[in-house]
Each structure stands twice: as structure tokens, then as C-alpha cells.
Amino acid sequence: MISERNLENSSLIKGNSSSYQSTPSRITPSIPSFLLAVILCEILAFIFIPKASSYGLFWLFIGLTVPFLAWFLVYWRVYQSVFVTKKADPVPQLDARWAPFKFNGWGNEPLTAYMMESEEESDDLLLYLHGYNSRMFKGESRAIHLQSLGINIVSLDQRGFGDQGKRKDWTLLKVLTDIEGLLISVPEVFRFTPSRLWIYGHSMGGLLTIRLSSHPSGWWAESLRGIILESPVASFPKIIDKLLPGRAVMAKPWVRHILRREHERIHPDLSIRYANAQLPYCGIPNVPTLVIQSENDEVLGQDHFDLIRSHLLENSEIHVIDMPHSSQFDFDERREVVEKWMRSQLLEV
């Protein structure tokens, strides 16, 4: 979910694209937690006090609480599907030219990112953002290719994916704040403030790129020159529909209530709206944009691309290429399109 922020508590605010207040620790009992405790007591009584099952009052309480138990199970399943990311599979090591560094992300949590400096003197920078349930290693070939053009590269395993950890209470807003924290750290890490910045986003990284580039702040508000979107996500609600288990999609109003409740718990400084985490509500970039779309996108289908075509501005260049969605595969045609566009960008002052 994307929403405009409340500035009353601004001690952790880092930019314009996300939420910045830490999730408060709740110590007062809520009605759902009280009911769950009652259900657990009933289960324990049934196991350890056999005589309890002979009383009608016991079964009356069971009958009253069983619907709540079913509700909790569905609630937990939705939470696990959307707010907890999958464990990462092990992968080979990154290219030796990547240099790790630390920075502070959402809630000032320490995170790790990587930089690959240009082999020639340059104060240009490109940020590469991978997709959902992916990691920077899978798109490493894209970063290395652009580094060969004389550009400094920075990237990271996003929160919840790869080696970054922090899988629980995952939200897109936390990832956005992490990336803003990364950008804030760039001048200190590289020992210069980049004069020009480009952002390359694949899949979900594309939606992150759209939001960041349409709500820039800090040094990158002046330095951002353009963005590259590869088979980008254009609607987070459509992604949530794919994440939900079984027939949960059929109960959308109920599911939306759960999603809203959890987002407001995690991000108390926001008034969450389900529909605004998609184009055009999340923002429209006002910079040159290169879109590279998989012709037969087996992951996202056509819906996201239709949103992209409908809402991007005239300074966008769109190429549909016969390639799979996954960034794990690379093709000469993609490299040629990106290199041609990037070289024209580098020629501009």
C-alpha cells in the first residue's frame, strides 16, 4: 500500500516516497488476542481435563469460539502469504568486484548493500533493484553490463530476500524507506555526490523505481536523469491476488480488511488505501523512461504492461522483446536496447 505520510512524528523521515515511523510495541491486550487466549485455554482443558468434555457449558463455549478459530486461521494464512517472505535458496557468490557496505534503512535498521565502482573516473551512478522473491545476484549481469559503460553501480538484496533477512512484517513501504536510506549513504560511501543518477528496476523493482522517481528527495531529486523498467509491476494489488492462498481472492473485502489492519499496525503514521499502490496513484515519473517488456510474460501477464502503456508520459521509450520474465536470463537484444538508450543518456549534459 502507498499513502501520503503524516509529518507529526518526523524523527525517522528520510524522503518522500514511503513511511518512516517504526512499528510500536503493543503491550495492551486486544479483543482478538483475548479470544485467541480463550481458544487456547479450551484446547488445553480438553486435553488435560477430560471431565470438562462432559459438561454442556464447555461445549457451548466451544461452539461460540470455533468460528473465531476459523477466522484466526484464515487471518494468519493471509498474513503469512503477504507479510512474510520465503526463505532464500543458496546461490553462488557475487562477482568479486562488488564491495559490501552498511547503511541504515527503515526504523534505522542496519542493512547491507553493494557498490561496483566504474573502471574509469565517473561521478555517474545507477541503482539496480531486483524483483519480488528474487535477489541482486539474479540480475547481476545487467549491473555488470552497465558498469562496463563507465557508470558506478549500487545494488542490494532487498529486505526479506536474498541474504538481507528481515522476512517478517514485510511491506513495500519498508523496502522504499530502505532504498532511500541507501541513497542517503551514497555520498559518504562513494566519497562524492553523484551528478547523475539512473534507476533500473526489474519486475517489482520497477514499481519501486516508479515510486522513487516520482517522489524524489535529497541529493537525487536534482541528480535523477532517467529510469529503466524491465517487465515492471504496475499494481501491487494484482500481485497480492497472486500471493493469496486458494480461494481467498474470492473474499476480497475481508482480505482487504486484513491487509489494511496489518499495514496500519506496521505503519501507524499512514492512512492506508488498498487501491493506491498502483499506477497512476503511486506517482508518474517525470524523467526519460525506457521500458523493456517480455513479449509473453509468464509471471505478470499483460495487465501490468497495459497500465504502464496507459500512464507513462511521452518521454518514454517502449520495447517488447521475446524473452522470459525472469532476470536470471539475459539476451543480446535486451543488452543492445539498454546500451543504446544509456549511451544517448550519457551524452546529455
Protein backbone atom coordinates (compact mmCIF):
# COMPACT_ATOMS: atom_id res chain seq x y z
CA MET A 1 0.00 0.00 0.00
CA ILE A 2 1.18 3.52 -0.76
CA SER A 3 -0.12 6.56 1.07
CA GLU A 4 0.89 10.09 1.88
CA ARG A 5 2.70 10.41 5.19
CA ASN A 6 1.86 12.21 8.41
CA LEU A 7 4.65 14.60 9.42
CA GLU A 8 3.75 14.84 13.12
CA ASN A 9 6.44 12.29 14.02
CA SER A 10 9.30 13.06 11.65
CA SER A 11 12.36 11.90 13.57
CA LEU A 12 12.94 9.00 11.16
CA ILE A 13 11.76 10.67 7.94
CA LYS A 14 14.27 10.24 5.15
CA GLY A 15 12.44 11.03 1.94
CA ASN A 16 9.13 11.50 0.18
CA SER A 17 8.16 8.08 -1.13
CA SER A 18 7.32 5.99 1.92
CA SER A 19 6.53 5.54 5.63
CA TYR A 20 9.08 6.35 8.29
CA GLN A 21 7.62 5.72 11.75
CA SER A 22 8.66 2.49 13.46
CA THR A 23 6.04 -0.08 14.41
CA PRO A 24 5.08 0.50 18.06
CA SER A 25 5.31 -2.36 20.56
CA ARG A 26 1.82 -3.21 21.75
CA ILE A 27 1.57 -4.37 25.36
CA THR A 28 -2.16 -3.84 25.94
CA PRO A 29 -4.34 -6.87 25.07
CA SER A 30 -6.68 -6.59 22.09
CA ILE A 31 -10.01 -8.36 21.61
CA PRO A 32 -8.56 -10.79 19.00
CA SER A 33 -5.63 -11.69 21.27
CA PHE A 34 -8.03 -12.21 24.21
CA LEU A 35 -10.25 -14.52 22.14
CA LEU A 36 -7.22 -16.45 20.94
CA ALA A 37 -6.16 -16.94 24.57
CA VAL A 38 -9.66 -18.25 25.38
CA ILE A 39 -9.46 -20.73 22.48
CA LEU A 40 -6.05 -21.97 23.65
CA CYS A 41 -7.42 -22.45 27.18
CA GLU A 42 -10.30 -24.51 25.79
CA ILE A 43 -7.92 -26.73 23.84
CA LEU A 44 -5.71 -27.24 26.90
CA ALA A 45 -8.76 -28.01 29.06
CA PHE A 46 -9.95 -30.61 26.55
CA ILE A 47 -6.51 -32.29 26.56
CA PHE A 48 -5.60 -32.15 30.24
CA ILE A 49 -9.03 -32.12 31.94
CA PRO A 50 -11.02 -34.98 30.37
CA LYS A 51 -14.02 -34.39 32.64
CA ALA A 52 -14.53 -30.94 31.11
CA SER A 53 -15.94 -32.54 27.97
CA SER A 54 -18.83 -33.99 29.99
CA TYR A 55 -20.24 -30.54 30.75
CA GLY A 56 -22.65 -28.89 28.34
CA LEU A 57 -21.33 -25.45 29.21
CA PHE A 58 -17.89 -26.47 27.93
CA TRP A 59 -19.32 -27.44 24.54
CA LEU A 60 -21.33 -24.21 24.46
CA PHE A 61 -18.09 -22.25 24.79
CA ILE A 62 -16.51 -24.44 22.09
CA GLY A 63 -19.42 -23.72 19.75
CA LEU A 64 -19.11 -19.99 20.33
CA THR A 65 -15.36 -19.85 19.74
CA VAL A 66 -14.93 -22.26 16.78
CA PRO A 67 -15.93 -19.56 14.24
CA PHE A 68 -13.30 -17.26 15.76
CA LEU A 69 -10.69 -20.03 15.45
CA ALA A 70 -11.52 -20.41 11.75
CA TRP A 71 -11.22 -16.64 11.35
CA PHE A 72 -7.81 -16.61 13.06
CA LEU A 73 -6.55 -19.40 10.80
CA VAL A 74 -7.56 -17.50 7.65
CA TYR A 75 -6.12 -14.27 9.07
CA TRP A 76 -2.82 -15.99 9.80
CA ARG A 77 -2.71 -17.57 6.33
CA VAL A 78 -3.23 -14.21 4.64
CA TYR A 79 -0.59 -12.63 6.88
CA GLN A 80 1.94 -15.37 6.07
CA SER A 81 1.24 -15.04 2.34
CA VAL A 82 1.65 -11.27 2.11
CA PHE A 83 3.70 -10.06 5.09
CA VAL A 84 6.26 -12.88 5.41
CA THR A 85 8.67 -13.58 2.55
CA LYS A 86 10.01 -17.00 1.61
CA LYS A 87 13.39 -18.25 2.74
CA ALA A 88 16.08 -17.66 0.14
CA ASP A 89 17.77 -20.51 -1.70
CA PRO A 90 21.58 -20.52 -1.62
CA VAL A 91 23.26 -19.08 -4.72
CA PRO A 92 26.86 -18.76 -5.98
CA GLN A 93 28.94 -15.85 -4.76
CA LEU A 94 28.60 -12.42 -6.29
CA ASP A 95 31.20 -11.05 -8.69
CA ALA A 96 34.38 -10.20 -6.77
CA ARG A 97 34.16 -6.56 -7.87
CA TRP A 98 31.19 -5.92 -5.59
CA ALA A 99 32.21 -4.18 -2.36
CA PRO A 100 29.77 -4.50 0.57
CA PHE A 101 28.89 -1.61 2.86
CA LYS A 102 26.45 -0.93 5.67
CA PHE A 103 23.65 1.64 5.81
CA ASN A 104 20.53 2.33 7.86
CA GLY A 105 17.11 1.53 6.43
CA TRP A 106 13.56 1.62 7.76
CA GLY A 107 13.49 2.20 11.51
CA ASN A 108 17.26 2.82 11.36
CA GLU A 109 17.78 -0.93 10.99
CA PRO A 110 21.28 -1.88 9.72
CA LEU A 111 21.31 -3.33 6.21
CA THR A 112 23.96 -4.38 3.67
CA ALA A 113 24.32 -3.08 0.12
CA TYR A 114 26.99 -3.42 -2.57
CA MET A 115 28.87 -0.99 -4.78
CA MET A 116 30.78 -1.63 -8.00
CA GLU A 117 32.90 1.34 -8.99
CA SER A 118 33.49 2.31 -12.59
CA GLU A 119 36.89 1.40 -14.01
CA GLU A 120 37.18 4.94 -15.36
CA GLU A 121 36.70 8.19 -13.50
CA SER A 122 32.99 8.93 -13.27
CA ASP A 123 30.54 10.65 -10.97
CA ASP A 124 27.54 8.90 -12.56
CA LEU A 125 25.58 6.28 -10.62
CA LEU A 126 23.00 3.62 -11.42
CA LEU A 127 20.87 1.87 -8.79
CA TYR A 128 19.72 -1.66 -9.70
CA LEU A 129 16.58 -3.02 -7.98
CA HIS A 130 15.56 -6.68 -8.30
CA GLY A 131 12.02 -8.06 -8.19
CA TYR A 132 9.84 -9.82 -5.63
CA ASN A 133 11.14 -13.17 -4.34
CA SER A 134 14.42 -12.52 -6.15
CA ARG A 135 17.86 -11.16 -5.27
CA MET A 136 20.53 -8.97 -6.84
CA PHE A 137 22.57 -11.99 -7.96
CA LYS A 138 19.89 -12.98 -10.48
CA GLY A 139 20.13 -9.61 -12.23
CA GLU A 140 23.86 -9.20 -11.74
CA SER A 141 24.56 -9.41 -15.49
CA ARG A 142 22.54 -6.23 -16.02
CA ALA A 143 24.53 -4.31 -13.42
CA ILE A 144 27.88 -5.54 -14.76
CA HIS A 145 26.90 -4.64 -18.32
CA LEU A 146 26.07 -1.07 -17.29
CA GLN A 147 29.24 -0.79 -15.22
CA SER A 148 31.20 -1.56 -18.40
CA LEU A 149 29.77 1.66 -19.88
CA GLY A 150 31.66 3.69 -17.28
CA ILE A 151 28.93 4.01 -14.63
CA ASN A 152 29.23 3.35 -10.91
CA ILE A 153 26.68 0.76 -9.74
CA VAL A 154 24.97 0.26 -6.39
CA SER A 155 22.53 -2.52 -5.51
CA LEU A 156 21.28 -4.68 -2.65
CA ASP A 157 19.34 -7.75 -1.68
CA GLN A 158 16.10 -6.08 -0.66
CA ARG A 159 14.56 -6.57 2.77
CA GLY A 160 13.09 -10.05 3.06
CA PHE A 161 15.04 -11.51 0.14
CA GLY A 162 18.46 -12.96 -0.55
CA ASP A 163 20.90 -12.60 2.33
CA GLN A 164 19.26 -9.46 3.76
CA GLY A 165 16.94 -11.27 6.19
CA LYS A 166 14.09 -9.38 7.93
CA ARG A 167 11.42 -11.60 6.39
CA LYS A 168 8.60 -10.86 8.88
CA ASP A 169 6.29 -7.83 8.74
CA TRP A 170 7.48 -7.23 5.18
CA THR A 171 5.90 -4.31 3.34
CA LEU A 172 6.66 -2.43 0.16
CA LEU A 173 6.85 0.75 2.22
CA LYS A 174 9.70 -0.63 4.31
CA VAL A 175 11.60 -1.51 1.14
CA LEU A 176 11.11 2.01 -0.21
CA THR A 177 12.45 3.52 3.00
CA ASP A 178 15.43 1.14 2.89
CA ILE A 179 16.28 2.30 -0.61
CA GLU A 180 16.04 5.95 0.39
CA GLY A 181 18.39 5.18 3.28
CA LEU A 182 20.76 3.55 0.80
CA LEU A 183 20.70 6.62 -1.44
CA ILE A 184 21.34 8.88 1.55
CA SER A 185 24.50 6.88 2.32
CA VAL A 186 25.86 7.03 -1.24
CA PRO A 187 27.88 10.31 -0.99
CA GLU A 188 29.72 9.02 2.08
CA VAL A 189 30.35 5.57 0.60
CA PHE A 190 31.50 6.75 -2.84
CA ARG A 191 33.18 9.87 -1.41
CA PHE A 192 31.31 12.09 -3.89
CA THR A 193 27.74 13.13 -4.62
CA PRO A 194 26.69 11.70 -7.99
CA SER A 195 25.92 14.37 -10.55
CA ARG A 196 23.65 11.99 -12.49
CA LEU A 197 21.56 9.05 -11.30
CA TRP A 198 19.59 6.36 -13.12
CA ILE A 199 17.46 3.64 -11.56
CA TYR A 200 16.97 0.21 -13.16
CA GLY A 201 14.05 -1.79 -11.79
CA HIS A 202 13.09 -5.33 -12.75
CA SER A 203 9.56 -6.62 -12.03
CA MET A 204 8.64 -5.42 -8.51
CA GLY A 205 11.81 -3.34 -8.65
CA GLY A 206 10.05 -1.50 -11.48
CA LEU A 207 7.20 -0.43 -9.19
CA LEU A 208 9.74 0.66 -6.58
CA THR A 209 11.54 2.65 -9.28
CA ILE A 210 8.33 4.35 -10.37
CA ARG A 211 7.51 5.40 -6.81
CA LEU A 212 11.06 6.59 -6.01
CA SER A 213 11.43 8.55 -9.25
CA SER A 214 8.02 10.22 -8.92
CA HIS A 215 8.70 11.22 -5.28
CA PRO A 216 12.43 12.06 -5.21
CA SER A 217 14.15 13.81 -2.31
CA GLY A 218 17.65 14.54 -1.06
CA TRP A 219 20.53 14.83 -3.49
CA TRP A 220 18.86 12.52 -6.02
CA ALA A 221 15.97 14.94 -6.58
CA GLU A 222 18.41 17.05 -8.62
CA SER A 223 20.54 14.20 -9.98
CA LEU A 224 17.90 11.78 -11.30
CA ARG A 225 18.16 11.65 -15.10
CA GLY A 226 16.08 8.64 -16.10
CA ILE A 227 14.77 5.17 -15.26
CA ILE A 228 14.78 1.73 -16.87
CA LEU A 229 11.83 -0.58 -16.25
CA GLU A 230 12.16 -4.24 -17.23
CA SER A 231 8.88 -6.20 -17.25
CA PRO A 232 7.70 -3.92 -14.43
CA VAL A 233 4.96 -4.46 -11.88
CA ALA A 234 2.43 -1.63 -12.16
CA SER A 235 -0.08 -2.73 -9.50
CA PHE A 236 0.69 -4.19 -6.07
CA PRO A 237 -2.96 -5.29 -5.52
CA LYS A 238 -2.62 -7.53 -8.57
CA ILE A 239 0.50 -9.07 -7.03
CA ILE A 240 -1.32 -9.63 -3.73
CA ASP A 241 -4.05 -11.52 -5.60
CA LYS A 242 -1.37 -13.94 -6.82
CA LEU A 243 0.12 -14.33 -3.33
CA LEU A 244 -3.16 -15.18 -1.61
CA PRO A 245 -3.92 -18.84 -0.91
CA GLY A 246 -6.60 -20.81 -2.71
CA ARG A 247 -9.97 -19.09 -2.87
CA ALA A 248 -9.06 -16.17 -0.61
CA VAL A 249 -9.22 -13.91 -3.66
CA MET A 250 -12.98 -14.56 -3.74
CA ALA A 251 -13.30 -12.93 -0.29
CA LYS A 252 -11.61 -9.69 -1.35
CA PRO A 253 -13.46 -7.31 1.02
CA TRP A 254 -12.48 -9.46 4.01
CA VAL A 255 -8.93 -9.88 2.75
CA ARG A 256 -8.62 -6.14 2.16
CA HIS A 257 -9.71 -5.57 5.76
CA ILE A 258 -6.93 -7.89 6.96
CA LEU A 259 -4.36 -6.22 4.72
CA ARG A 260 -5.42 -2.75 5.84
CA ARG A 261 -5.37 -3.73 9.51
CA GLU A 262 -1.86 -5.21 9.28
CA HIS A 263 -0.50 -2.26 7.30
CA GLU A 264 -1.87 0.17 9.87
CA ARG A 265 -0.31 -1.89 12.65
CA ILE A 266 3.09 -1.90 10.94
CA HIS A 267 2.87 1.70 9.67
CA PRO A 268 0.81 3.70 12.19
CA ASP A 269 1.67 7.01 10.53
CA LEU A 270 -0.31 6.19 7.39
CA SER A 271 -3.93 6.18 6.36
CA ILE A 272 -3.85 3.06 4.19
CA ARG A 273 -5.84 2.74 0.99
CA TYR A 274 -5.81 -0.55 -0.90
CA ALA A 275 -6.19 0.79 -4.42
CA ASN A 276 -3.46 3.43 -4.48
CA ALA A 277 -0.47 1.07 -4.68
CA GLN A 278 -0.66 1.07 -8.45
CA LEU A 279 -0.42 3.35 -11.43
CA PRO A 280 -1.34 6.16 -11.65
CA TYR A 281 -1.92 6.70 -7.90
CA CYS A 282 1.60 5.77 -6.77
CA GLY A 283 3.04 8.51 -8.97
CA ILE A 284 4.07 9.12 -12.58
CA PRO A 285 7.81 9.67 -13.23
CA ASN A 286 8.66 12.91 -14.97
CA VAL A 287 12.01 11.71 -16.33
CA PRO A 288 13.00 9.84 -19.51
CA THR A 289 11.90 6.23 -19.20
CA LEU A 290 12.98 3.09 -21.03
CA VAL A 291 10.55 0.16 -20.80
CA ILE A 292 11.66 -3.33 -21.80
CA GLN A 293 8.76 -5.76 -21.71
CA SER A 294 8.76 -9.54 -22.01
CA GLU A 295 6.58 -10.34 -25.03
CA ASN A 296 4.90 -13.33 -23.37
CA ASP A 297 5.28 -12.51 -19.68
CA GLU A 298 4.61 -15.83 -17.97
CA VAL A 299 4.68 -14.24 -14.49
CA LEU A 300 2.77 -10.96 -14.76
CA GLY A 301 0.74 -11.47 -17.91
CA GLN A 302 -0.44 -8.43 -19.88
CA ASP A 303 -2.30 -6.42 -17.21
CA HIS A 304 0.72 -4.63 -15.74
CA PHE A 305 2.10 -3.70 -19.15
CA ASP A 306 -1.29 -2.27 -20.15
CA LEU A 307 -1.19 0.02 -17.09
CA ILE A 308 2.36 1.07 -17.97
CA ARG A 309 1.42 1.98 -21.54
CA SER A 310 -1.67 3.85 -20.38
CA HIS A 311 0.01 6.13 -17.87
CA LEU A 312 3.67 6.75 -18.72
CA LEU A 313 4.47 10.13 -20.24
CA GLU A 314 5.52 10.90 -23.80
CA ASN A 315 9.22 10.84 -22.93
CA SER A 316 9.01 7.05 -22.61
CA GLU A 317 10.54 4.52 -24.98
CA ILE A 318 8.96 1.06 -25.03
CA HIS A 319 10.44 -2.15 -26.46
CA VAL A 320 8.70 -5.54 -26.42
CA ILE A 321 11.27 -8.34 -26.58
CA ASP A 322 10.94 -12.10 -26.93
CA MET A 323 12.45 -13.09 -23.57
CA PRO A 324 11.21 -14.65 -20.31
CA HIS A 325 10.23 -12.55 -17.31
CA SER A 326 13.00 -13.81 -15.01
CA SER A 327 16.13 -11.68 -14.65
CA GLN A 328 18.12 -14.90 -14.32
CA PHE A 329 18.24 -15.00 -18.12
CA ASP A 330 19.79 -12.33 -20.31
CA PHE A 331 19.56 -11.73 -24.04
CA ASP A 332 21.61 -9.76 -26.56
CA GLU A 333 18.56 -7.82 -27.74
CA ARG A 334 17.89 -6.52 -24.22
CA ARG A 335 21.53 -5.53 -23.81
CA GLU A 336 21.55 -3.72 -27.17
CA VAL A 337 18.38 -1.74 -26.37
CA VAL A 338 19.64 -0.75 -22.91
CA GLU A 339 23.11 0.16 -24.16
CA LYS A 340 21.80 2.32 -27.00
CA TRP A 341 19.45 4.20 -24.66
CA MET A 342 22.07 4.54 -21.93
CA ARG A 343 24.75 5.85 -24.29
CA SER A 344 22.37 8.55 -25.51
CA GLN A 345 21.70 9.46 -21.86
CA LEU A 346 25.41 9.66 -21.10
CA LEU A 347 25.93 12.10 -23.97
CA GLU A 348 23.48 14.56 -22.42
CA VAL A 349 24.86 17.17 -20.05
